[in-house]
């Protein structure tokens, strides 16, 4: 009988393992989390507001996704890393959907509790902003910020 040896690269996924675990569940969560901001942006736009929030969410999500990919590559090769403050800034400026997707695709920044805490607070802030805007006409948060 032979003993099973430890994998050569414990950080790598085994052959046949899905790239993203629980893909359907995570895509559903992403869609649900994006639903409120998407509805808020669409409502704002169709009521005569600017298309700029939609463009900002899209652009910042692409930038966040790219930054996560770059940071993961740098982490693997002991290169210069992307500062967490920059990653969080892109999330705060609307790139959190791209960041959430990138975390799963690249399996990056998913285990560091302090990072995840700030990330989910940013997501919560976006959700609260759109809840306030849609349900209360911006009377709770929005009017005090702008």
N, C-alpha and C. Protein backbone atom coordinates (compact mmCIF):
# COMPACT_ATOMS: atom_id res chain seq x y z
N UNK A 1 0.83 -1.19 0.00
CA UNK A 1 0.00 0.00 0.00
C UNK A 1 0.87 1.25 0.00
N UNK A 2 0.48 2.21 -0.78
CA UNK A 2 1.24 3.46 -0.81
C UNK A 2 0.50 4.52 -0.04
N UNK A 3 1.28 5.36 0.59
CA UNK A 3 0.68 6.48 1.31
C UNK A 3 0.49 7.64 0.36
N UNK A 4 -0.56 8.40 0.62
CA UNK A 4 -0.79 9.61 -0.17
C UNK A 4 0.19 10.67 0.30
N UNK A 5 0.87 11.26 -0.63
CA UNK A 5 1.79 12.33 -0.27
C UNK A 5 1.05 13.66 -0.31
N UNK A 6 1.64 14.61 0.36
CA UNK A 6 1.07 15.96 0.37
C UNK A 6 1.23 16.57 -1.02
N UNK A 7 0.30 17.41 -1.43
CA UNK A 7 0.43 18.03 -2.74
C UNK A 7 1.69 18.89 -2.82
N UNK A 8 2.25 18.96 -4.04
CA UNK A 8 3.46 19.75 -4.25
C UNK A 8 3.23 21.22 -3.95
N UNK A 9 2.12 21.75 -4.41
CA UNK A 9 1.77 23.16 -4.20
C UNK A 9 0.46 23.22 -3.43
N UNK A 10 0.51 23.31 -2.10
CA UNK A 10 -0.72 23.28 -1.32
C UNK A 10 -1.65 24.45 -1.62
N UNK A 11 -1.15 25.55 -2.16
CA UNK A 11 -2.00 26.69 -2.47
C UNK A 11 -2.75 26.55 -3.78
N UNK A 12 -2.38 25.59 -4.57
CA UNK A 12 -3.01 25.40 -5.88
C UNK A 12 -4.18 24.45 -5.76
N UNK A 13 -5.14 24.62 -6.65
CA UNK A 13 -6.31 23.74 -6.63
C UNK A 13 -5.98 22.42 -7.33
N UNK A 14 -6.61 21.36 -6.91
CA UNK A 14 -6.41 20.06 -7.51
C UNK A 14 -7.11 20.01 -8.86
N UNK A 15 -6.60 19.17 -9.75
CA UNK A 15 -7.23 19.01 -11.06
C UNK A 15 -8.68 18.57 -10.88
N UNK A 16 -9.56 19.16 -11.63
CA UNK A 16 -10.97 18.82 -11.54
C UNK A 16 -11.74 19.65 -10.53
N UNK A 17 -11.03 20.41 -9.70
CA UNK A 17 -11.69 21.28 -8.73
C UNK A 17 -12.19 22.52 -9.45
N UNK A 18 -13.44 22.92 -9.21
CA UNK A 18 -13.93 24.12 -9.90
C UNK A 18 -13.11 25.35 -9.55
N UNK A 19 -13.01 26.27 -10.51
CA UNK A 19 -12.25 27.50 -10.29
C UNK A 19 -12.87 28.30 -9.16
N UNK A 20 -14.18 28.40 -9.14
CA UNK A 20 -14.89 29.11 -8.09
C UNK A 20 -15.81 28.11 -7.40
N UNK A 21 -15.62 27.93 -6.12
CA UNK A 21 -16.48 27.02 -5.36
C UNK A 21 -17.85 27.65 -5.17
N UNK A 22 -18.89 26.84 -5.23
CA UNK A 22 -20.27 27.29 -5.04
C UNK A 22 -20.62 28.43 -6.00
N UNK A 23 -20.24 28.27 -7.26
CA UNK A 23 -20.37 29.33 -8.26
C UNK A 23 -21.80 29.85 -8.36
N UNK A 24 -22.78 28.98 -8.45
CA UNK A 24 -24.17 29.43 -8.61
C UNK A 24 -24.63 30.25 -7.41
N UNK A 25 -24.30 29.81 -6.22
CA UNK A 25 -24.69 30.53 -5.01
C UNK A 25 -24.01 31.91 -4.97
N UNK A 26 -22.75 31.95 -5.31
CA UNK A 26 -22.02 33.21 -5.28
C UNK A 26 -22.50 34.17 -6.36
N UNK A 27 -22.86 33.65 -7.54
CA UNK A 27 -23.41 34.51 -8.58
C UNK A 27 -24.77 35.07 -8.16
N UNK A 28 -25.57 34.25 -7.50
CA UNK A 28 -26.86 34.72 -7.00
C UNK A 28 -26.66 35.82 -5.96
N UNK A 29 -25.72 35.63 -5.06
CA UNK A 29 -25.43 36.66 -4.05
C UNK A 29 -24.96 37.95 -4.71
N UNK A 30 -24.10 37.83 -5.72
CA UNK A 30 -23.62 39.01 -6.44
C UNK A 30 -24.78 39.74 -7.11
N UNK A 31 -25.66 38.99 -7.76
CA UNK A 31 -26.81 39.61 -8.41
C UNK A 31 -27.73 40.29 -7.40
N UNK A 32 -27.96 39.65 -6.27
CA UNK A 32 -28.81 40.25 -5.25
C UNK A 32 -28.19 41.52 -4.68
N UNK A 33 -26.89 41.47 -4.41
CA UNK A 33 -26.21 42.65 -3.87
C UNK A 33 -26.18 43.79 -4.89
N UNK A 34 -26.05 43.45 -6.15
CA UNK A 34 -26.01 44.48 -7.20
C UNK A 34 -27.40 44.99 -7.57
N UNK A 35 -28.43 44.25 -7.17
CA UNK A 35 -29.79 44.61 -7.55
C UNK A 35 -30.22 45.98 -7.07
N UNK A 36 -30.00 46.28 -5.82
CA UNK A 36 -30.42 47.56 -5.26
C UNK A 36 -29.67 48.73 -5.89
N UNK A 37 -28.33 48.68 -5.96
CA UNK A 37 -27.63 49.78 -6.63
C UNK A 37 -28.02 49.91 -8.11
N UNK A 38 -28.20 48.78 -8.80
CA UNK A 38 -28.58 48.84 -10.22
C UNK A 38 -29.95 49.48 -10.38
N UNK A 39 -30.89 49.08 -9.53
CA UNK A 39 -32.23 49.67 -9.58
C UNK A 39 -32.16 51.16 -9.23
N UNK A 40 -31.36 51.50 -8.23
CA UNK A 40 -31.21 52.90 -7.84
C UNK A 40 -30.62 53.75 -8.95
N UNK A 41 -29.59 53.23 -9.60
CA UNK A 41 -28.96 53.95 -10.70
C UNK A 41 -29.94 54.10 -11.86
N UNK A 42 -30.67 53.02 -12.18
CA UNK A 42 -31.64 53.08 -13.28
C UNK A 42 -32.76 54.06 -12.97
N UNK A 43 -33.25 54.05 -11.74
CA UNK A 43 -34.32 54.98 -11.34
C UNK A 43 -33.83 56.42 -11.41
N UNK A 44 -32.63 56.64 -10.94
CA UNK A 44 -32.05 57.98 -10.99
C UNK A 44 -31.91 58.46 -12.43
N UNK A 45 -31.43 57.60 -13.29
CA UNK A 45 -31.20 57.93 -14.69
C UNK A 45 -32.51 58.20 -15.42
N UNK A 46 -33.51 57.33 -15.22
CA UNK A 46 -34.78 57.49 -15.93
C UNK A 46 -35.62 58.65 -15.40
N UNK A 47 -35.30 59.13 -14.22
CA UNK A 47 -36.04 60.28 -13.68
C UNK A 47 -35.36 61.60 -14.02
N UNK A 48 -34.47 61.56 -15.00
CA UNK A 48 -33.84 62.79 -15.45
C UNK A 48 -32.45 63.03 -14.89
N UNK A 49 -31.95 62.12 -14.09
CA UNK A 49 -30.61 62.27 -13.54
C UNK A 49 -29.56 61.88 -14.56
N UNK A 50 -28.34 61.98 -14.16
CA UNK A 50 -27.20 61.69 -15.03
C UNK A 50 -26.98 60.18 -15.18
N UNK A 51 -26.35 59.80 -16.27
CA UNK A 51 -25.94 58.42 -16.49
C UNK A 51 -24.60 58.14 -15.81
N UNK A 52 -24.00 59.17 -15.25
CA UNK A 52 -22.67 59.07 -14.66
C UNK A 52 -22.54 57.99 -13.57
N UNK A 53 -23.51 57.84 -12.66
CA UNK A 53 -23.36 56.76 -11.66
C UNK A 53 -23.22 55.37 -12.29
N UNK A 54 -23.97 55.11 -13.36
CA UNK A 54 -23.86 53.82 -14.04
C UNK A 54 -22.46 53.63 -14.63
N UNK A 55 -21.96 54.68 -15.25
CA UNK A 55 -20.62 54.61 -15.84
C UNK A 55 -19.55 54.43 -14.77
N UNK A 56 -19.73 55.11 -13.64
CA UNK A 56 -18.74 55.02 -12.56
C UNK A 56 -18.72 53.61 -11.97
N UNK A 57 -19.91 53.04 -11.69
CA UNK A 57 -19.96 51.67 -11.17
C UNK A 57 -19.27 50.70 -12.13
N UNK A 58 -19.56 50.83 -13.42
CA UNK A 58 -18.96 49.93 -14.41
C UNK A 58 -17.46 50.10 -14.52
N UNK A 59 -17.02 51.34 -14.67
CA UNK A 59 -15.59 51.61 -14.83
C UNK A 59 -14.81 51.21 -13.58
N UNK A 60 -15.30 51.58 -12.42
CA UNK A 60 -14.57 51.26 -11.19
C UNK A 60 -14.56 49.75 -10.93
N UNK A 61 -15.61 49.05 -11.34
CA UNK A 61 -15.62 47.59 -11.19
C UNK A 61 -14.56 46.94 -12.07
N UNK A 62 -14.41 47.43 -13.29
CA UNK A 62 -13.37 46.91 -14.19
C UNK A 62 -11.99 47.20 -13.61
N UNK A 63 -11.80 48.41 -13.10
CA UNK A 63 -10.51 48.78 -12.51
C UNK A 63 -10.22 47.92 -11.28
N UNK A 64 -11.22 47.74 -10.42
CA UNK A 64 -11.03 46.92 -9.21
C UNK A 64 -10.67 45.48 -9.59
N UNK A 65 -11.38 44.92 -10.56
CA UNK A 65 -11.11 43.56 -11.01
C UNK A 65 -9.66 43.44 -11.50
N UNK A 66 -9.24 44.40 -12.30
CA UNK A 66 -7.87 44.39 -12.83
C UNK A 66 -6.84 44.54 -11.72
N UNK A 67 -7.11 45.41 -10.75
CA UNK A 67 -6.17 45.59 -9.63
C UNK A 67 -6.03 44.32 -8.81
N UNK A 68 -7.15 43.63 -8.57
CA UNK A 68 -7.09 42.36 -7.83
C UNK A 68 -6.26 41.33 -8.59
N UNK A 69 -6.48 41.24 -9.90
CA UNK A 69 -5.72 40.30 -10.72
C UNK A 69 -4.24 40.60 -10.68
N UNK A 70 -3.91 41.88 -10.80
CA UNK A 70 -2.50 42.30 -10.76
C UNK A 70 -1.90 42.00 -9.39
N UNK A 71 -2.64 42.30 -8.32
CA UNK A 71 -2.13 42.08 -6.97
C UNK A 71 -1.91 40.59 -6.71
N UNK A 72 -2.81 39.76 -7.20
CA UNK A 72 -2.65 38.32 -7.03
C UNK A 72 -1.40 37.83 -7.76
N UNK A 73 -1.20 38.33 -8.97
CA UNK A 73 -0.01 37.95 -9.73
C UNK A 73 1.26 38.39 -9.00
N UNK A 74 1.25 39.60 -8.48
CA UNK A 74 2.41 40.11 -7.74
C UNK A 74 2.65 39.29 -6.47
N UNK A 75 1.58 38.89 -5.81
CA UNK A 75 1.71 38.09 -4.59
C UNK A 75 2.36 36.74 -4.89
N UNK A 76 2.00 36.15 -6.01
CA UNK A 76 2.58 34.85 -6.39
C UNK A 76 4.07 34.95 -6.71
N UNK A 77 4.48 36.09 -7.24
CA UNK A 77 5.87 36.25 -7.69
C UNK A 77 6.69 37.15 -6.78
N UNK A 78 6.19 37.39 -5.57
CA UNK A 78 6.89 38.24 -4.59
C UNK A 78 7.22 39.62 -5.16
N UNK A 79 6.31 40.15 -5.95
CA UNK A 79 6.50 41.48 -6.53
C UNK A 79 5.91 42.55 -5.63
N UNK A 80 5.97 43.78 -6.12
CA UNK A 80 5.41 44.90 -5.36
C UNK A 80 3.89 44.82 -5.41
N UNK A 81 3.28 44.81 -4.24
CA UNK A 81 1.84 44.61 -4.11
C UNK A 81 1.06 45.90 -4.27
N UNK A 82 -0.20 45.76 -4.61
CA UNK A 82 -1.12 46.89 -4.67
C UNK A 82 -1.53 47.22 -3.24
N UNK A 83 -1.38 48.46 -2.80
CA UNK A 83 -1.78 48.80 -1.42
C UNK A 83 -3.26 48.52 -1.18
N UNK A 84 -3.56 47.99 0.00
CA UNK A 84 -4.95 47.70 0.33
C UNK A 84 -5.80 48.97 0.32
N UNK A 85 -5.20 50.10 0.67
CA UNK A 85 -5.94 51.37 0.64
C UNK A 85 -6.43 51.68 -0.77
N UNK A 86 -5.63 51.35 -1.77
CA UNK A 86 -6.04 51.59 -3.16
C UNK A 86 -7.17 50.65 -3.55
N UNK A 87 -7.06 49.39 -3.15
CA UNK A 87 -8.14 48.44 -3.44
C UNK A 87 -9.44 48.90 -2.79
N UNK A 88 -9.36 49.31 -1.53
CA UNK A 88 -10.56 49.78 -0.83
C UNK A 88 -11.09 51.07 -1.45
N UNK A 89 -10.21 51.94 -1.90
CA UNK A 89 -10.66 53.19 -2.53
C UNK A 89 -11.46 52.90 -3.79
N UNK A 90 -11.00 51.94 -4.60
CA UNK A 90 -11.75 51.60 -5.81
C UNK A 90 -13.10 50.99 -5.46
N UNK A 91 -13.13 50.21 -4.39
CA UNK A 91 -14.41 49.63 -3.94
C UNK A 91 -15.36 50.73 -3.49
N UNK A 92 -14.84 51.65 -2.71
CA UNK A 92 -15.66 52.74 -2.19
C UNK A 92 -16.20 53.62 -3.31
N UNK A 93 -15.42 53.81 -4.35
CA UNK A 93 -15.83 54.65 -5.48
C UNK A 93 -16.75 53.92 -6.46
N UNK A 94 -17.22 52.74 -6.08
CA UNK A 94 -18.20 52.02 -6.89
C UNK A 94 -17.71 50.72 -7.48
N UNK A 95 -16.47 50.36 -7.23
CA UNK A 95 -15.92 49.14 -7.82
C UNK A 95 -16.11 47.88 -7.01
N UNK A 96 -16.94 47.95 -5.96
CA UNK A 96 -17.09 46.76 -5.13
C UNK A 96 -17.67 45.55 -5.88
N UNK A 97 -18.58 45.72 -6.88
CA UNK A 97 -19.04 44.50 -7.58
C UNK A 97 -17.89 43.80 -8.31
N UNK A 98 -17.04 44.56 -8.98
CA UNK A 98 -15.88 43.97 -9.65
C UNK A 98 -14.90 43.36 -8.66
N UNK A 99 -14.76 44.00 -7.51
CA UNK A 99 -13.87 43.48 -6.47
C UNK A 99 -14.40 42.16 -5.91
N UNK A 100 -15.71 42.09 -5.69
CA UNK A 100 -16.31 40.86 -5.17
C UNK A 100 -16.13 39.72 -6.17
N UNK A 101 -16.35 40.01 -7.43
CA UNK A 101 -16.15 39.00 -8.46
C UNK A 101 -14.68 38.57 -8.53
N UNK A 102 -13.78 39.53 -8.47
CA UNK A 102 -12.35 39.24 -8.53
C UNK A 102 -11.89 38.41 -7.33
N UNK A 103 -12.43 38.69 -6.15
CA UNK A 103 -12.06 37.91 -4.97
C UNK A 103 -12.33 36.43 -5.21
N UNK A 104 -13.43 36.13 -5.87
CA UNK A 104 -13.78 34.74 -6.11
C UNK A 104 -13.00 34.14 -7.27
N UNK A 105 -12.87 34.88 -8.35
CA UNK A 105 -12.16 34.37 -9.53
C UNK A 105 -10.69 34.12 -9.22
N UNK A 106 -10.06 35.06 -8.54
CA UNK A 106 -8.63 34.94 -8.24
C UNK A 106 -8.36 34.30 -6.87
N UNK A 107 -9.42 34.04 -6.11
CA UNK A 107 -9.28 33.55 -4.73
C UNK A 107 -8.27 34.41 -3.98
N UNK A 108 -8.59 35.69 -3.96
CA UNK A 108 -7.65 36.67 -3.41
C UNK A 108 -8.35 37.55 -2.40
N UNK A 109 -7.70 37.77 -1.27
CA UNK A 109 -8.20 38.63 -0.19
C UNK A 109 -9.48 38.07 0.44
N UNK A 110 -9.69 36.78 0.35
CA UNK A 110 -10.92 36.19 0.89
C UNK A 110 -10.77 35.72 2.32
N UNK A 111 -9.56 35.54 2.79
CA UNK A 111 -9.36 35.00 4.14
C UNK A 111 -8.87 36.01 5.16
N UNK A 112 -8.44 37.15 4.72
CA UNK A 112 -7.91 38.15 5.65
C UNK A 112 -9.09 38.90 6.27
N UNK A 113 -9.33 38.63 7.55
CA UNK A 113 -10.51 39.16 8.23
C UNK A 113 -10.58 40.68 8.20
N UNK A 114 -9.47 41.34 8.52
CA UNK A 114 -9.49 42.81 8.56
C UNK A 114 -9.83 43.39 7.20
N UNK A 115 -9.35 42.77 6.15
CA UNK A 115 -9.65 43.25 4.80
C UNK A 115 -11.13 43.03 4.48
N UNK A 116 -11.62 41.84 4.77
CA UNK A 116 -13.02 41.52 4.49
C UNK A 116 -13.97 42.40 5.29
N UNK A 117 -13.60 42.73 6.51
CA UNK A 117 -14.44 43.60 7.33
C UNK A 117 -14.63 44.96 6.66
N UNK A 118 -13.54 45.56 6.22
CA UNK A 118 -13.64 46.86 5.54
C UNK A 118 -14.40 46.71 4.22
N UNK A 119 -14.11 45.65 3.48
CA UNK A 119 -14.80 45.44 2.21
C UNK A 119 -16.31 45.37 2.40
N UNK A 120 -16.77 44.56 3.36
CA UNK A 120 -18.22 44.40 3.55
C UNK A 120 -18.86 45.65 4.14
N UNK A 121 -18.11 46.44 4.89
CA UNK A 121 -18.62 47.73 5.35
C UNK A 121 -18.83 48.68 4.17
N UNK A 122 -17.95 48.62 3.19
CA UNK A 122 -18.10 49.43 1.98
C UNK A 122 -19.34 48.99 1.21
N UNK A 123 -19.52 47.68 1.06
CA UNK A 123 -20.72 47.17 0.37
C UNK A 123 -21.97 47.63 1.12
N UNK A 124 -21.96 47.51 2.44
CA UNK A 124 -23.10 47.94 3.26
C UNK A 124 -23.38 49.43 3.07
N UNK A 125 -22.34 50.22 3.01
CA UNK A 125 -22.51 51.66 2.80
C UNK A 125 -23.21 51.94 1.47
N UNK A 126 -22.81 51.24 0.43
CA UNK A 126 -23.47 51.41 -0.87
C UNK A 126 -24.94 50.98 -0.80
N UNK A 127 -25.20 49.86 -0.16
CA UNK A 127 -26.58 49.38 -0.04
C UNK A 127 -27.43 50.38 0.75
N UNK A 128 -26.89 50.88 1.86
CA UNK A 128 -27.63 51.85 2.67
C UNK A 128 -27.88 53.15 1.91
N UNK A 129 -26.90 53.59 1.14
CA UNK A 129 -27.06 54.79 0.34
C UNK A 129 -28.25 54.66 -0.61
N UNK A 130 -28.32 53.52 -1.33
CA UNK A 130 -29.41 53.34 -2.29
C UNK A 130 -30.73 53.06 -1.60
N UNK A 131 -30.73 52.38 -0.47
CA UNK A 131 -31.98 52.21 0.30
C UNK A 131 -32.52 53.55 0.71
N UNK A 132 -31.64 54.39 1.24
CA UNK A 132 -32.05 55.73 1.67
C UNK A 132 -32.60 56.52 0.49
N UNK A 133 -31.90 56.49 -0.61
CA UNK A 133 -32.32 57.26 -1.79
C UNK A 133 -33.65 56.77 -2.34
N UNK A 134 -33.84 55.45 -2.39
CA UNK A 134 -35.05 54.89 -2.98
C UNK A 134 -36.25 54.91 -2.04
N UNK A 135 -36.01 54.61 -0.77
CA UNK A 135 -37.13 54.50 0.18
C UNK A 135 -37.45 55.80 0.90
N UNK A 136 -36.44 56.62 1.13
CA UNK A 136 -36.65 57.83 1.93
C UNK A 136 -36.30 59.11 1.18
N UNK A 137 -36.12 58.99 -0.12
CA UNK A 137 -35.81 60.17 -0.92
C UNK A 137 -34.49 60.82 -0.57
N UNK A 138 -33.61 60.08 0.04
CA UNK A 138 -32.30 60.61 0.40
C UNK A 138 -32.29 61.43 1.67
N UNK A 139 -33.34 61.32 2.46
CA UNK A 139 -33.44 62.19 3.64
C UNK A 139 -32.56 61.75 4.81
N UNK A 140 -32.14 60.50 4.84
CA UNK A 140 -31.35 60.04 5.98
C UNK A 140 -29.85 60.22 5.79
N UNK A 141 -29.33 59.77 4.68
CA UNK A 141 -27.88 59.81 4.47
C UNK A 141 -27.51 60.85 3.42
N UNK A 142 -28.11 60.73 2.27
CA UNK A 142 -27.70 61.49 1.10
C UNK A 142 -27.70 62.99 1.32
N UNK A 143 -28.71 63.52 1.93
CA UNK A 143 -28.81 64.97 2.09
C UNK A 143 -27.76 65.52 3.05
N UNK A 144 -27.28 64.68 3.94
CA UNK A 144 -26.26 65.14 4.89
C UNK A 144 -24.86 65.06 4.28
N UNK A 145 -24.71 64.26 3.24
CA UNK A 145 -23.41 64.12 2.59
C UNK A 145 -23.21 65.12 1.46
N UNK A 146 -24.29 65.44 0.78
CA UNK A 146 -24.16 66.30 -0.40
C UNK A 146 -24.84 67.58 -0.14
